[in-house]
Amino acid sequence: TVASAFGSFRFVIKGSLAGTAIYVAYDQGLLGSGTQGAEALKKAQAALPPAIQEWTSYIGWEVRTVRMNRLPPTPKFDFSPSDSWNKGVQTVMSALSVAPTRACEYTVEGWKYVKDLVK
């Protein structure tokens, strides 16, 4: 029917757009190492102001060029995902390594509590 054909067409269009987005991200180096991502970010920061200026002039909006030449600086984060990931893995492994000892301690405490209740 027409509805199912339209649904299939929408699925193909959405899949094509998603595939294209993934290809462009890979081609620009966004899916590579951190240095490739940083280089892609620098390229995007250099290309963005002229693209916005061209788009706004095409639409007819008036934009102050003084403001357009300077984008706000990107925030600086002192955060390393790999360090955080490693810290999380170390915490989990530490907890798992002492789990049998803690279970025995809690079992002994539980038996003592039950014995005291029975007395």
PDB file of N, CA and C in Angstrom:
ATOM      1  N   THR A   1       0.836  -1.176   0.000  1.00  0.00           N
ATOM      2  CA  THR A   1       0.000   0.000   0.000  1.00  0.00           C
ATOM      3  C   THR A   1       0.889   1.251   0.000  1.00  0.00           C
ATOM      4  N   VAL A   2       0.235   2.381  -0.116  1.00  0.00           N
ATOM      5  CA  VAL A   2       0.950   3.650  -0.167  1.00  0.00           C
ATOM      6  C   VAL A   2       1.587   3.971   1.186  1.00  0.00           C
ATOM      7  N   ALA A   3       0.877   3.658   2.272  1.00  0.00           N
ATOM      8  CA  ALA A   3       1.398   3.966   3.604  1.00  0.00           C
ATOM      9  C   ALA A   3       2.661   3.164   3.902  1.00  0.00           C
ATOM     10  N   SER A   4       2.671   1.892   3.549  1.00  0.00           N
ATOM     11  CA  SER A   4       3.860   1.084   3.827  1.00  0.00           C
ATOM     12  C   SER A   4       5.021   1.486   2.916  1.00  0.00           C
ATOM     13  N   ALA A   5       4.729   1.882   1.696  1.00  0.00           N
ATOM     14  CA  ALA A   5       5.788   2.351   0.800  1.00  0.00           C
ATOM     15  C   ALA A   5       6.382   3.651   1.329  1.00  0.00           C
ATOM     16  N   PHE A   6       5.517   4.533   1.827  1.00  0.00           N
ATOM     17  CA  PHE A   6       6.003   5.789   2.388  1.00  0.00           C
ATOM     18  C   PHE A   6       6.844   5.527   3.635  1.00  0.00           C
ATOM     19  N   GLY A   7       6.417   4.578   4.475  1.00  0.00           N
ATOM     20  CA  GLY A   7       7.184   4.217   5.670  1.00  0.00           C
ATOM     21  C   GLY A   7       8.543   3.648   5.302  1.00  0.00           C
ATOM     22  N   SER A   8       8.566   2.805   4.270  1.00  0.00           N
ATOM     23  CA  SER A   8       9.839   2.245   3.816  1.00  0.00           C
ATOM     24  C   SER A   8      10.750   3.338   3.272  1.00  0.00           C
ATOM     25  N   PHE A   9      10.149   4.272   2.527  1.00  0.00           N
ATOM     26  CA  PHE A   9      10.920   5.393   1.985  1.00  0.00           C
ATOM     27  C   PHE A   9      11.518   6.230   3.108  1.00  0.00           C
ATOM     28  N   ARG A  10      10.726   6.500   4.141  1.00  0.00           N
ATOM     29  CA  ARG A  10      11.219   7.266   5.287  1.00  0.00           C
ATOM     30  C   ARG A  10      12.372   6.524   5.972  1.00  0.00           C
ATOM     31  N   PHE A  11      12.229   5.189   6.100  1.00  0.00           N
ATOM     32  CA  PHE A  11      13.281   4.389   6.721  1.00  0.00           C
ATOM     33  C   PHE A  11      14.577   4.475   5.920  1.00  0.00           C
ATOM     34  N   VAL A  12      14.472   4.407   4.610  1.00  0.00           N
ATOM     35  CA  VAL A  12      15.660   4.479   3.748  1.00  0.00           C
ATOM     36  C   VAL A  12      16.309   5.851   3.861  1.00  0.00           C
ATOM     37  N   ILE A  13      15.498   6.903   3.866  1.00  0.00           N
ATOM     38  CA  ILE A  13      16.041   8.259   3.970  1.00  0.00           C
ATOM     39  C   ILE A  13      16.753   8.434   5.314  1.00  0.00           C
ATOM     40  N   LYS A  14      16.115   8.016   6.409  1.00  0.00           N
ATOM     41  CA  LYS A  14      16.719   8.150   7.729  1.00  0.00           C
ATOM     42  C   LYS A  14      18.002   7.329   7.831  1.00  0.00           C
ATOM     43  N   GLY A  15      17.976   6.118   7.311  1.00  0.00           N
ATOM     44  CA  GLY A  15      19.177   5.286   7.323  1.00  0.00           C
ATOM     45  C   GLY A  15      20.308   5.901   6.516  1.00  0.00           C
ATOM     46  N   SER A  16      19.963   6.502   5.382  1.00  0.00           N
ATOM     47  CA  SER A  16      20.976   7.161   4.551  1.00  0.00           C
ATOM     48  C   SER A  16      21.582   8.354   5.273  1.00  0.00           C
ATOM     49  N   LEU A  17      20.740   9.138   5.928  1.00  0.00           N
ATOM     50  CA  LEU A  17      21.252  10.288   6.675  1.00  0.00           C
ATOM     51  C   LEU A  17      22.154   9.840   7.828  1.00  0.00           C
ATOM     52  N   ALA A  18      21.741   8.806   8.537  1.00  0.00           N
ATOM     53  CA  ALA A  18      22.567   8.304   9.645  1.00  0.00           C
ATOM     54  C   ALA A  18      23.902   7.773   9.124  1.00  0.00           C
ATOM     55  N   GLY A  19      23.849   7.020   8.036  1.00  0.00           N
ATOM     56  CA  GLY A  19      25.082   6.494   7.445  1.00  0.00           C
ATOM     57  C   GLY A  19      26.004   7.598   6.976  1.00  0.00           C
ATOM     58  N   THR A  20      25.435   8.628   6.373  1.00  0.00           N
ATOM     59  CA  THR A  20      26.231   9.761   5.913  1.00  0.00           C
ATOM     60  C   THR A  20      26.874  10.489   7.092  1.00  0.00           C
ATOM     61  N   ALA A  21      26.105  10.669   8.162  1.00  0.00           N
ATOM     62  CA  ALA A  21      26.647  11.349   9.345  1.00  0.00           C
ATOM     63  C   ALA A  21      27.816  10.557   9.930  1.00  0.00           C
ATOM     64  N   ILE A  22      27.687   9.249   9.987  1.00  0.00           N
ATOM     65  CA  ILE A  22      28.770   8.415  10.515  1.00  0.00           C
ATOM     66  C   ILE A  22      29.981   8.475   9.597  1.00  0.00           C
ATOM     67  N   TYR A  23      29.739   8.441   8.286  1.00  0.00           N
ATOM     68  CA  TYR A  23      30.856   8.513   7.340  1.00  0.00           C
ATOM     69  C   TYR A  23      31.595   9.844   7.468  1.00  0.00           C
ATOM     70  N   VAL A  24      30.859  10.946   7.537  1.00  0.00           N
ATOM     71  CA  VAL A  24      31.489  12.265   7.654  1.00  0.00           C
ATOM     72  C   VAL A  24      32.266  12.365   8.961  1.00  0.00           C
ATOM     73  N   ALA A  25      31.695  11.863  10.061  1.00  0.00           N
ATOM     74  CA  ALA A  25      32.401  11.897  11.346  1.00  0.00           C
ATOM     75  C   ALA A  25      33.694  11.082  11.263  1.00  0.00           C
ATOM     76  N   TYR A  26      33.637   9.924  10.617  1.00  0.00           N
ATOM     77  CA  TYR A  26      34.828   9.091  10.473  1.00  0.00           C
ATOM     78  C   TYR A  26      35.850   9.765   9.563  1.00  0.00           C
ATOM     79  N   ASP A  27      35.367  10.338   8.455  1.00  0.00           N
ATOM     80  CA  ASP A  27      36.241  10.974   7.484  1.00  0.00           C
ATOM     81  C   ASP A  27      36.937  12.194   8.075  1.00  0.00           C
ATOM     82  N   GLN A  28      36.279  12.921   8.952  1.00  0.00           N
ATOM     83  CA  GLN A  28      36.864  14.100   9.576  1.00  0.00           C
ATOM     84  C   GLN A  28      37.769  13.750  10.762  1.00  0.00           C
ATOM     85  N   GLY A  29      37.812  12.490  11.153  1.00  0.00           N
ATOM     86  CA  GLY A  29      38.687  12.074  12.237  1.00  0.00           C
ATOM     87  C   GLY A  29      38.046  12.154  13.605  1.00  0.00           C
ATOM     88  N   LEU A  30      36.730  12.347  13.664  1.00  0.00           N
ATOM     89  CA  LEU A  30      36.073  12.452  14.960  1.00  0.00           C
ATOM     90  C   LEU A  30      35.976  11.112  15.673  1.00  0.00           C
ATOM     91  N   LEU A  31      36.041  10.023  14.934  1.00  0.00           N
ATOM     92  CA  LEU A  31      35.943   8.702  15.546  1.00  0.00           C
ATOM     93  C   LEU A  31      37.316   8.078  15.764  1.00  0.00           C
ATOM     94  N   GLY A  32      38.364   8.842  15.509  1.00  0.00           N
ATOM     95  CA  GLY A  32      39.714   8.333  15.666  1.00  0.00           C
ATOM     96  C   GLY A  32      40.259   8.625  17.048  1.00  0.00           C
ATOM     97  N   SER A  33      41.550   8.869  17.088  1.00  0.00           N
ATOM     98  CA  SER A  33      42.202   9.140  18.366  1.00  0.00           C
ATOM     99  C   SER A  33      41.852  10.539  18.857  1.00  0.00           C
ATOM    100  N   GLY A  34      42.274  10.839  20.060  1.00  0.00           N
ATOM    101  CA  GLY A  34      42.007  12.143  20.642  1.00  0.00           C
ATOM    102  C   GLY A  34      42.687  13.270  19.881  1.00  0.00           C
ATOM    103  N   THR A  35      43.884  13.011  19.341  1.00  0.00           N
ATOM    104  CA  THR A  35      44.567  14.062  18.579  1.00  0.00           C
ATOM    105  C   THR A  35      43.836  14.351  17.279  1.00  0.00           C
ATOM    106  N   GLN A  36      43.291  13.317  16.643  1.00  0.00           N
ATOM    107  CA  GLN A  36      42.510  13.540  15.421  1.00  0.00           C
ATOM    108  C   GLN A  36      41.252  14.331  15.740  1.00  0.00           C
ATOM    109  N   GLY A  37      40.616  14.041  16.855  1.00  0.00           N
ATOM    110  CA  GLY A  37      39.428  14.786  17.261  1.00  0.00           C
ATOM    111  C   GLY A  37      39.746  16.240  17.551  1.00  0.00           C
ATOM    112  N   ALA A  38      40.897  16.482  18.192  1.00  0.00           N
ATOM    113  CA  ALA A  38      41.308  17.856  18.489  1.00  0.00           C
ATOM    114  C   ALA A  38      41.584  18.630  17.205  1.00  0.00           C
ATOM    115  N   GLU A  39      42.210  17.976  16.234  1.00  0.00           N
ATOM    116  CA  GLU A  39      42.465  18.631  14.946  1.00  0.00           C
ATOM    117  C   GLU A  39      41.151  18.947  14.234  1.00  0.00           C
ATOM    118  N   ALA A  40      40.196  18.021  14.286  1.00  0.00           N
ATOM    119  CA  ALA A  40      38.896  18.262  13.653  1.00  0.00           C
ATOM    120  C   ALA A  40      38.176  19.410  14.344  1.00  0.00           C
ATOM    121  N   LEU A  41      38.296  19.515  15.665  1.00  0.00           N
ATOM    122  CA  LEU A  41      37.680  20.621  16.395  1.00  0.00           C
ATOM    123  C   LEU A  41      38.295  21.953  15.986  1.00  0.00           C
ATOM    124  N   LYS A  42      39.621  21.998  15.821  1.00  0.00           N
ATOM    125  CA  LYS A  42      40.281  23.228  15.375  1.00  0.00           C
ATOM    126  C   LYS A  42      39.805  23.624  13.985  1.00  0.00           C
ATOM    127  N   LYS A  43      39.651  22.630  13.083  1.00  0.00           N
ATOM    128  CA  LYS A  43      39.155  22.938  11.735  1.00  0.00           C
ATOM    129  C   LYS A  43      37.741  23.490  11.798  1.00  0.00           C
ATOM    130  N   ALA A  44      36.910  22.895  12.647  1.00  0.00           N
ATOM    131  CA  ALA A  44      35.523  23.356  12.771  1.00  0.00           C
ATOM    132  C   ALA A  44      35.467  24.759  13.351  1.00  0.00           C
ATOM    133  N   GLN A  45      36.298  25.047  14.337  1.00  0.00           N
ATOM    134  CA  GLN A  45      36.320  26.386  14.932  1.00  0.00           C
ATOM    135  C   GLN A  45      36.787  27.428  13.926  1.00  0.00           C
ATOM    136  N   ALA A  46      37.680  27.052  13.015  1.00  0.00           N
ATOM    137  CA  ALA A  46      38.148  27.986  11.998  1.00  0.00           C
ATOM    138  C   ALA A  46      37.098  28.205  10.910  1.00  0.00           C
ATOM    139  N   ALA A  47      36.319  27.182  10.599  1.00  0.00           N
ATOM    140  CA  ALA A  47      35.358  27.266   9.505  1.00  0.00           C
ATOM    141  C   ALA A  47      34.000  27.790   9.935  1.00  0.00           C
ATOM    142  N   LEU A  48      33.675  27.732  11.206  1.00  0.00           N
ATOM    143  CA  LEU A  48      32.332  28.091  11.660  1.00  0.00           C
ATOM    144  C   LEU A  48      31.983  29.570  11.487  1.00  0.00           C
ATOM    145  N   PRO A  49      32.812  30.520  11.912  1.00  0.00           N
ATOM    146  CA  PRO A  49      32.417  31.927  11.755  1.00  0.00           C
ATOM    147  C   PRO A  49      32.131  32.340  10.308  1.00  0.00           C
ATOM    148  N   PRO A  50      32.983  31.981   9.318  1.00  0.00           N
ATOM    149  CA  PRO A  50      32.636  32.343   7.938  1.00  0.00           C
ATOM    150  C   PRO A  50      31.350  31.681   7.454  1.00  0.00           C
ATOM    151  N   ALA A  51      31.106  30.456   7.887  1.00  0.00           N
ATOM    152  CA  ALA A  51      29.889  29.765   7.458  1.00  0.00           C
ATOM    153  C   ALA A  51      28.653  30.445   8.036  1.00  0.00           C
ATOM    154  N   ILE A  52      28.719  30.851   9.282  1.00  0.00           N
ATOM    155  CA  ILE A  52      27.575  31.547   9.896  1.00  0.00           C
ATOM    156  C   ILE A  52      27.353  32.887   9.219  1.00  0.00           C
ATOM    157  N   GLN A  53      28.437  33.607   8.906  1.00  0.00           N
ATOM    158  CA  GLN A  53      28.323  34.899   8.231  1.00  0.00           C
ATOM    159  C   GLN A  53      27.672  34.730   6.858  1.00  0.00           C
ATOM    160  N   GLU A  54      28.102  33.715   6.124  1.00  0.00           N
ATOM    161  CA  GLU A  54      27.526  33.471   4.793  1.00  0.00           C
ATOM    162  C   GLU A  54      26.051  33.101   4.899  1.00  0.00           C
ATOM    163  N   TRP A  55      25.708  32.276   5.858  1.00  0.00           N
ATOM    164  CA  TRP A  55      24.314  31.842   6.023  1.00  0.00           C
ATOM    165  C   TRP A  55      23.413  33.016   6.396  1.00  0.00           C
ATOM    166  N   THR A  56      23.882  33.855   7.319  1.00  0.00           N
ATOM    167  CA  THR A  56      23.053  34.985   7.735  1.00  0.00           C
ATOM    168  C   THR A  56      22.913  36.012   6.623  1.00  0.00           C
ATOM    169  N   SER A  57      23.960  36.203   5.807  1.00  0.00           N
ATOM    170  CA  SER A  57      23.827  37.147   4.692  1.00  0.00           C
ATOM    171  C   SER A  57      22.900  36.578   3.623  1.00  0.00           C
ATOM    172  N   TYR A  58      22.885  35.278   3.449  1.00  0.00           N
ATOM    173  CA  TYR A  58      21.989  34.640   2.485  1.00  0.00           C
ATOM    174  C   TYR A  58      20.532  34.820   2.906  1.00  0.00           C
ATOM    175  N   ILE A  59      20.264  34.688   4.199  1.00  0.00           N
ATOM    176  CA  ILE A  59      18.898  34.831   4.702  1.00  0.00           C
ATOM    177  C   ILE A  59      18.493  36.298   4.762  1.00  0.00           C
ATOM    178  N   GLY A  60      19.450  37.175   4.966  1.00  0.00           N
ATOM    179  CA  GLY A  60      19.145  38.584   5.034  1.00  0.00           C
ATOM    180  C   GLY A  60      19.172  39.133   6.438  1.00  0.00           C
ATOM    181  N   TRP A  61      19.667  38.376   7.359  1.00  0.00           N
ATOM    182  CA  TRP A  61      19.770  38.865   8.728  1.00  0.00           C
ATOM    183  C   TRP A  61      20.998  39.758   8.842  1.00  0.00           C
ATOM    184  N   GLU A  62      20.892  40.744   9.672  1.00  0.00           N
ATOM    185  CA  GLU A  62      22.030  41.616   9.905  1.00  0.00           C
ATOM    186  C   GLU A  62      22.750  41.138  11.162  1.00  0.00           C
ATOM    187  N   VAL A  63      24.003  40.859  11.009  1.00  0.00           N
ATOM    188  CA  VAL A  63      24.797  40.371  12.126  1.00  0.00           C
ATOM    189  C   VAL A  63      26.008  41.277  12.272  1.00  0.00           C
ATOM    190  N   ARG A  64      26.297  41.651  13.458  1.00  0.00           N
ATOM    191  CA  ARG A  64      27.467  42.485  13.700  1.00  0.00           C
ATOM    192  C   ARG A  64      28.722  41.659  13.476  1.00  0.00           C
ATOM    193  N   THR A  65      29.555  42.122  12.587  1.00  0.00           N
ATOM    194  CA  THR A  65      30.749  41.350  12.252  1.00  0.00           C
ATOM    195  C   THR A  65      31.761  41.349  13.384  1.00  0.00           C
ATOM    196  N   VAL A  66      31.743  42.365  14.228  1.00  0.00           N
ATOM    197  CA  VAL A  66      32.673  42.396  15.357  1.00  0.00           C
ATOM    198  C   VAL A  66      32.417  41.199  16.251  1.00  0.00           C
ATOM    199  N   ARG A  67      31.151  40.925  16.469  1.00  0.00           N
ATOM    200  CA  ARG A  67      30.784  39.810  17.337  1.00  0.00           C
ATOM    201  C   ARG A  67      31.010  38.466  16.645  1.00  0.00           C
ATOM    202  N   MET A  68      30.815  38.424  15.318  1.00  0.00           N
ATOM    203  CA  MET A  68      30.939  37.161  14.596  1.00  0.00           C
ATOM    204  C   MET A  68      32.386  36.706  14.454  1.00  0.00           C
ATOM    205  N   ASN A  69      33.332  37.652  14.459  1.00  0.00           N
ATOM    206  CA  ASN A  69      34.718  37.264  14.287  1.00  0.00           C
ATOM    207  C   ASN A  69      35.274  36.567  15.521  1.00  0.00           C
ATOM    208  N   ARG A  70      34.578  36.727  16.640  1.00  0.00           N
ATOM    209  CA  ARG A  70      35.058  36.100  17.868  1.00  0.00           C
ATOM    210  C   ARG A  70      33.966  35.225  18.464  1.00  0.00           C
ATOM    211  N   LEU A  71      34.229  33.969  18.465  1.00  0.00           N
ATOM    212  CA  LEU A  71      33.343  33.044  19.165  1.00  0.00           C
ATOM    213  C   LEU A  71      33.811  32.958  20.607  1.00  0.00           C
ATOM    214  N   PRO A  72      32.910  32.669  21.513  1.00  0.00           N
ATOM    215  CA  PRO A  72      33.369  32.499  22.888  1.00  0.00           C
ATOM    216  C   PRO A  72      34.345  31.326  22.958  1.00  0.00           C
ATOM    217  N   PRO A  73      35.321  31.425  23.823  1.00  0.00           N
ATOM    218  CA  PRO A  73      36.303  30.345  23.899  1.00  0.00           C
ATOM    219  C   PRO A  73      35.652  29.053  24.405  1.00  0.00           C
ATOM    220  N   THR A  74      36.186  27.969  23.924  1.00  0.00           N
ATOM    221  CA  THR A  74      35.678  26.682  24.391  1.00  0.00           C
ATOM    222  C   THR A  74      36.125  26.475  25.829  1.00  0.00           C
ATOM    223  N   PRO A  75      35.278  25.893  26.640  1.00  0.00           N
ATOM    224  CA  PRO A  75      35.665  25.688  28.037  1.00  0.00           C
ATOM    225  C   PRO A  75      36.801  24.685  28.146  1.00  0.00           C
ATOM    226  N   LYS A  76      37.653  24.914  29.104  1.00  0.00           N
ATOM    227  CA  LYS A  76      38.779  24.011  29.357  1.00  0.00           C
ATOM    228  C   LYS A  76      38.411  23.083  30.507  1.00  0.00           C
ATOM    229  N   PHE A  77      38.483  21.804  30.240  1.00  0.00           N
ATOM    230  CA  PHE A  77      38.171  20.811  31.254  1.00  0.00           C
ATOM    231  C   PHE A  77      39.435  20.047  31.603  1.00  0.00           C
ATOM    232  N   ASP A  78      39.675  19.893  32.883  1.00  0.00           N
ATOM    233  CA  ASP A  78      40.774  19.054  33.336  1.00  0.00           C
ATOM    234  C   ASP A  78      40.169  17.702  33.706  1.00  0.00           C
ATOM    235  N   PHE A  79      39.748  16.978  32.677  1.00  0.00           N
ATOM    236  CA  PHE A  79      39.027  15.730  32.883  1.00  0.00           C
ATOM    237  C   PHE A  79      39.507  14.734  31.855  1.00  0.00           C
ATOM    238  N   SER A  80      39.920  13.602  32.307  1.00  0.00           N
ATOM    239  CA  SER A  80      40.376  12.555  31.414  1.00  0.00           C
ATOM    240  C   SER A  80      39.431  11.361  31.534  1.00  0.00           C
ATOM    241  N   PRO A  81      38.697  11.058  30.471  1.00  0.00           N
ATOM    242  CA  PRO A  81      37.796   9.899  30.550  1.00  0.00           C
ATOM    243  C   PRO A  81      38.524   8.595  30.836  1.00  0.00           C
ATOM    244  N   SER A  82      39.732   8.451  30.287  1.00  0.00           N
ATOM    245  CA  SER A  82      40.455   7.193  30.522  1.00  0.00           C
ATOM    246  C   SER A  82      40.859   7.063  31.987  1.00  0.00           C
ATOM    247  N   ASP A  83      41.277   8.187  32.609  1.00  0.00           N
ATOM    248  CA  ASP A  83      41.622   8.121  34.031  1.00  0.00           C
ATOM    249  C   ASP A  83      40.401   7.814  34.875  1.00  0.00           C
ATOM    250  N   SER A  84      39.275   8.434  34.531  1.00  0.00           N
ATOM    251  CA  SER A  84      38.046   8.173  35.278  1.00  0.00           C
ATOM    252  C   SER A  84      37.606   6.728  35.097  1.00  0.00           C
ATOM    253  N   TRP A  85      37.704   6.236  33.865  1.00  0.00           N
ATOM    254  CA  TRP A  85      37.332   4.852  33.597  1.00  0.00           C
ATOM    255  C   TRP A  85      38.227   3.919  34.402  1.00  0.00           C
ATOM    256  N   ASN A  86      39.530   4.161  34.378  1.00  0.00           N
ATOM    257  CA  ASN A  86      40.458   3.313  35.120  1.00  0.00           C
ATOM    258  C   ASN A  86      40.176   3.376  36.611  1.00  0.00           C
ATOM    259  N   LYS A  87      39.867   4.561  37.139  1.00  0.00           N
ATOM    260  CA  LYS A  87      39.544   4.709  38.556  1.00  0.00           C
ATOM    261  C   LYS A  87      38.298   3.890  38.896  1.00  0.00           C
ATOM    262  N   GLY A  88      37.296   3.941  38.017  1.00  0.00           N
ATOM    263  CA  GLY A  88      36.082   3.163  38.247  1.00  0.00           C
ATOM    264  C   GLY A  88      36.346   1.672  38.221  1.00  0.00           C
ATOM    265  N   VAL A  89      37.144   1.227  37.267  1.00  0.00           N
ATOM    266  CA  VAL A  89      37.485  -0.204  37.183  1.00  0.00           C
ATOM    267  C   VAL A  89      38.264  -0.631  38.421  1.00  0.00           C
ATOM    268  N   GLN A  90      39.215   0.194  38.862  1.00  0.00           N
ATOM    269  CA  GLN A  90      39.989  -0.143  40.057  1.00  0.00           C
ATOM    270  C   GLN A  90      39.100  -0.214  41.291  1.00  0.00           C
ATOM    271  N   THR A  91      38.140   0.703  41.402  1.00  0.00           N
ATOM    272  CA  THR A  91      37.233   0.690  42.552  1.00  0.00           C
ATOM    273  C   THR A  91      36.380  -0.569  42.558  1.00  0.00           C
ATOM    274  N   VAL A  92      35.839  -0.921  41.400  1.00  0.00           N
ATOM    275  CA  VAL A  92      35.005  -2.125  41.313  1.00  0.00           C
ATOM    276  C   VAL A  92      35.827  -3.365  41.620  1.00  0.00           C
ATOM    277  N   MET A  93      37.027  -3.466  41.055  1.00  0.00           N
ATOM    278  CA  MET A  93      37.867  -4.642  41.304  1.00  0.00           C
ATOM    279  C   MET A  93      38.276  -4.719  42.773  1.00  0.00           C
ATOM    280  N   SER A  94      38.537  -3.573  43.389  1.00  0.00           N
ATOM    281  CA  SER A  94      38.882  -3.558  44.803  1.00  0.00           C
ATOM    282  C   SER A  94      37.714  -4.055  45.647  1.00  0.00           C
ATOM    283  N   ALA A  95      36.521  -3.587  45.309  1.00  0.00           N
ATOM    284  CA  ALA A  95      35.332  -4.028  46.050  1.00  0.00           C
ATOM    285  C   ALA A  95      35.092  -5.523  45.853  1.00  0.00           C
ATOM    286  N   LEU A  96      35.283  -6.009  44.633  1.00  0.00           N
ATOM    287  CA  LEU A  96      35.088  -7.436  44.385  1.00  0.00           C
ATOM    288  C   LEU A  96      36.153  -8.291  45.072  1.00  0.00           C
ATOM    289  N   SER A  97      37.357  -7.768  45.202  1.00  0.00           N
ATOM    290  CA  SER A  97      38.411  -8.568  45.825  1.00  0.00           C
ATOM    291  C   SER A  97      38.210  -8.721  47.329  1.00  0.00           C
ATOM    292  N   VAL A  98      37.593  -7.742  47.983  1.00  0.00           N
ATOM    293  CA  VAL A  98      37.355  -7.862  49.416  1.00  0.00           C
ATOM    294  C   VAL A  98      35.956  -8.393  49.729  1.00  0.00           C
ATOM    295  N   ALA A  99      35.156  -8.651  48.704  1.00  0.00           N
ATOM    296  CA  ALA A  99      33.783  -9.111  48.918  1.00  0.00           C
ATOM    297  C   ALA A  99      33.710 -10.422  49.710  1.00  0.00           C
ATOM    298  N   PRO A 100      34.507 -11.457  49.409  1.00  0.00           N
ATOM    299  CA  PRO A 100      34.410 -12.689  50.194  1.00  0.00           C
ATOM    300  C   PRO A 100      34.748 -12.471  51.682  1.00  0.00           C
ATOM    301  N   THR A 101      35.775 -11.661  51.952  1.00  0.00           N
ATOM    302  CA  THR A 101      36.145 -11.384  53.341  1.00  0.00           C
ATOM    303  C   THR A 101      35.018 -10.651  54.054  1.00  0.00           C
ATOM    304  N   ARG A 102      34.463  -9.637  53.400  1.00  0.00           N
ATOM    305  CA  ARG A 102      33.364  -8.878  53.995  1.00  0.00           C
ATOM    306  C   ARG A 102      32.145  -9.768  54.208  1.00  0.00           C
ATOM    307  N   ALA A 103      31.881 -10.661  53.266  1.00  0.00           N
ATOM    308  CA  ALA A 103      30.726 -11.560  53.418  1.00  0.00           C
ATOM    309  C   ALA A 103      30.914 -12.457  54.643  1.00  0.00           C
ATOM    310  N   CYS A 104      32.120 -12.961  54.840  1.00  0.00           N
ATOM    311  CA  CYS A 104      32.393 -13.789  56.021  1.00  0.00           C
ATOM    312  C   CYS A 104      32.222 -12.976  57.305  1.00  0.00           C
ATOM    313  N   GLU A 105      32.731 -11.731  57.308  1.00  0.00           N
ATOM    314  CA  GLU A 105      32.603 -10.891  58.498  1.00  0.00           C
ATOM    315  C   GLU A 105      31.139 -10.617  58.812  1.00  0.00           C
ATOM    316  N   TYR A 106      30.375 -10.285  57.795  1.00  0.00           N
ATOM    317  CA  TYR A 106      28.956 -10.000  58.012  1.00  0.00           C
ATOM    318  C   TYR A 106      28.200 -11.245  58.456  1.00  0.00           C
ATOM    319  N   THR A 107      28.597 -12.405  57.959  1.00  0.00           N
ATOM    320  CA  THR A 107      27.958 -13.654  58.374  1.00  0.00           C
ATOM    321  C   THR A 107      28.241 -13.929  59.848  1.00  0.00           C
ATOM    322  N   VAL A 108      29.483 -13.740  60.277  1.00  0.00           N
ATOM    323  CA  VAL A 108      29.844 -13.943  61.685  1.00  0.00           C
ATOM    324  C   VAL A 108      29.063 -12.978  62.565  1.00  0.00           C
ATOM    325  N   GLU A 109      28.979 -11.707  62.152  1.00  0.00           N
ATOM    326  CA  GLU A 109      28.217 -10.716  62.925  1.00  0.00           C
ATOM    327  C   GLU A 109      26.739 -11.094  62.993  1.00  0.00           C
ATOM    328  N   GLY A 110      26.212 -11.594  61.865  1.00  0.00           N
ATOM    329  CA  GLY A 110      24.810 -12.012  61.845  1.00  0.00           C
ATOM    330  C   GLY A 110      24.547 -13.174  62.784  1.00  0.00           C
ATOM    331  N   TRP A 111      25.437 -14.178  62.797  1.00  0.00           N
ATOM    332  CA  TRP A 111      25.271 -15.314  63.699  1.00  0.00           C
ATOM    333  C   TRP A 111      25.363 -14.883  65.158  1.00  0.00           C
ATOM    334  N   LYS A 112      26.296 -13.955  65.441  1.00  0.00           N
ATOM    335  CA  LYS A 112      26.407 -13.460  66.817  1.00  0.00           C
ATOM    336  C   LYS A 112      25.119 -12.762  67.233  1.00  0.00           C
ATOM    337  N   TYR A 113      24.543 -11.980  66.332  1.00  0.00           N
ATOM    338  CA  TYR A 113      23.305 -11.265  66.626  1.00  0.00           C
ATOM    339  C   TYR A 113      22.164 -12.253  66.882  1.00  0.00           C
ATOM    340  N   VAL A 114      22.077 -13.284  66.051  1.00  0.00           N
ATOM    341  CA  VAL A 114      21.022 -14.299  66.230  1.00  0.00           C
ATOM    342  C   VAL A 114      21.224 -15.044  67.536  1.00  0.00           C
ATOM    343  N   LYS A 115      22.470 -15.402  67.875  1.00  0.00           N
ATOM    344  CA  LYS A 115      22.751 -16.100  69.124  1.00  0.00           C
ATOM    345  C   LYS A 115      22.371 -15.245  70.321  1.00  0.00           C
ATOM    346  N   ASP A 116      22.668 -13.950  70.255  1.00  0.00           N
ATOM    347  CA  ASP A 116      22.300 -13.047  71.349  1.00  0.00           C
ATOM    348  C   ASP A 116      20.778 -12.936  71.483  1.00  0.00           C
ATOM    349  N   LEU A 117      20.042 -12.999  70.406  1.00  0.00           N
ATOM    350  CA  LEU A 117      18.585 -12.936  70.459  1.00  0.00           C
ATOM    351  C   LEU A 117      17.995 -14.203  71.072  1.00  0.00           C
ATOM    352  N   VAL A 118      18.630 -15.344  70.783  1.00  0.00           N
ATOM    353  CA  VAL A 118      18.115 -16.624  71.267  1.00  0.00           C
ATOM    354  C   VAL A 118      18.387 -16.779  72.767  1.00  0.00           C
ATOM    355  N   LYS A 119      19.445 -16.219  73.281  1.00  0.00           N
ATOM    356  CA  LYS A 119      19.792 -16.369  74.705  1.00  0.00           C
ATOM    357  C   LYS A 119      18.725 -15.865  75.590  1.00  0.00           C
TER     358      LYS A 119
END
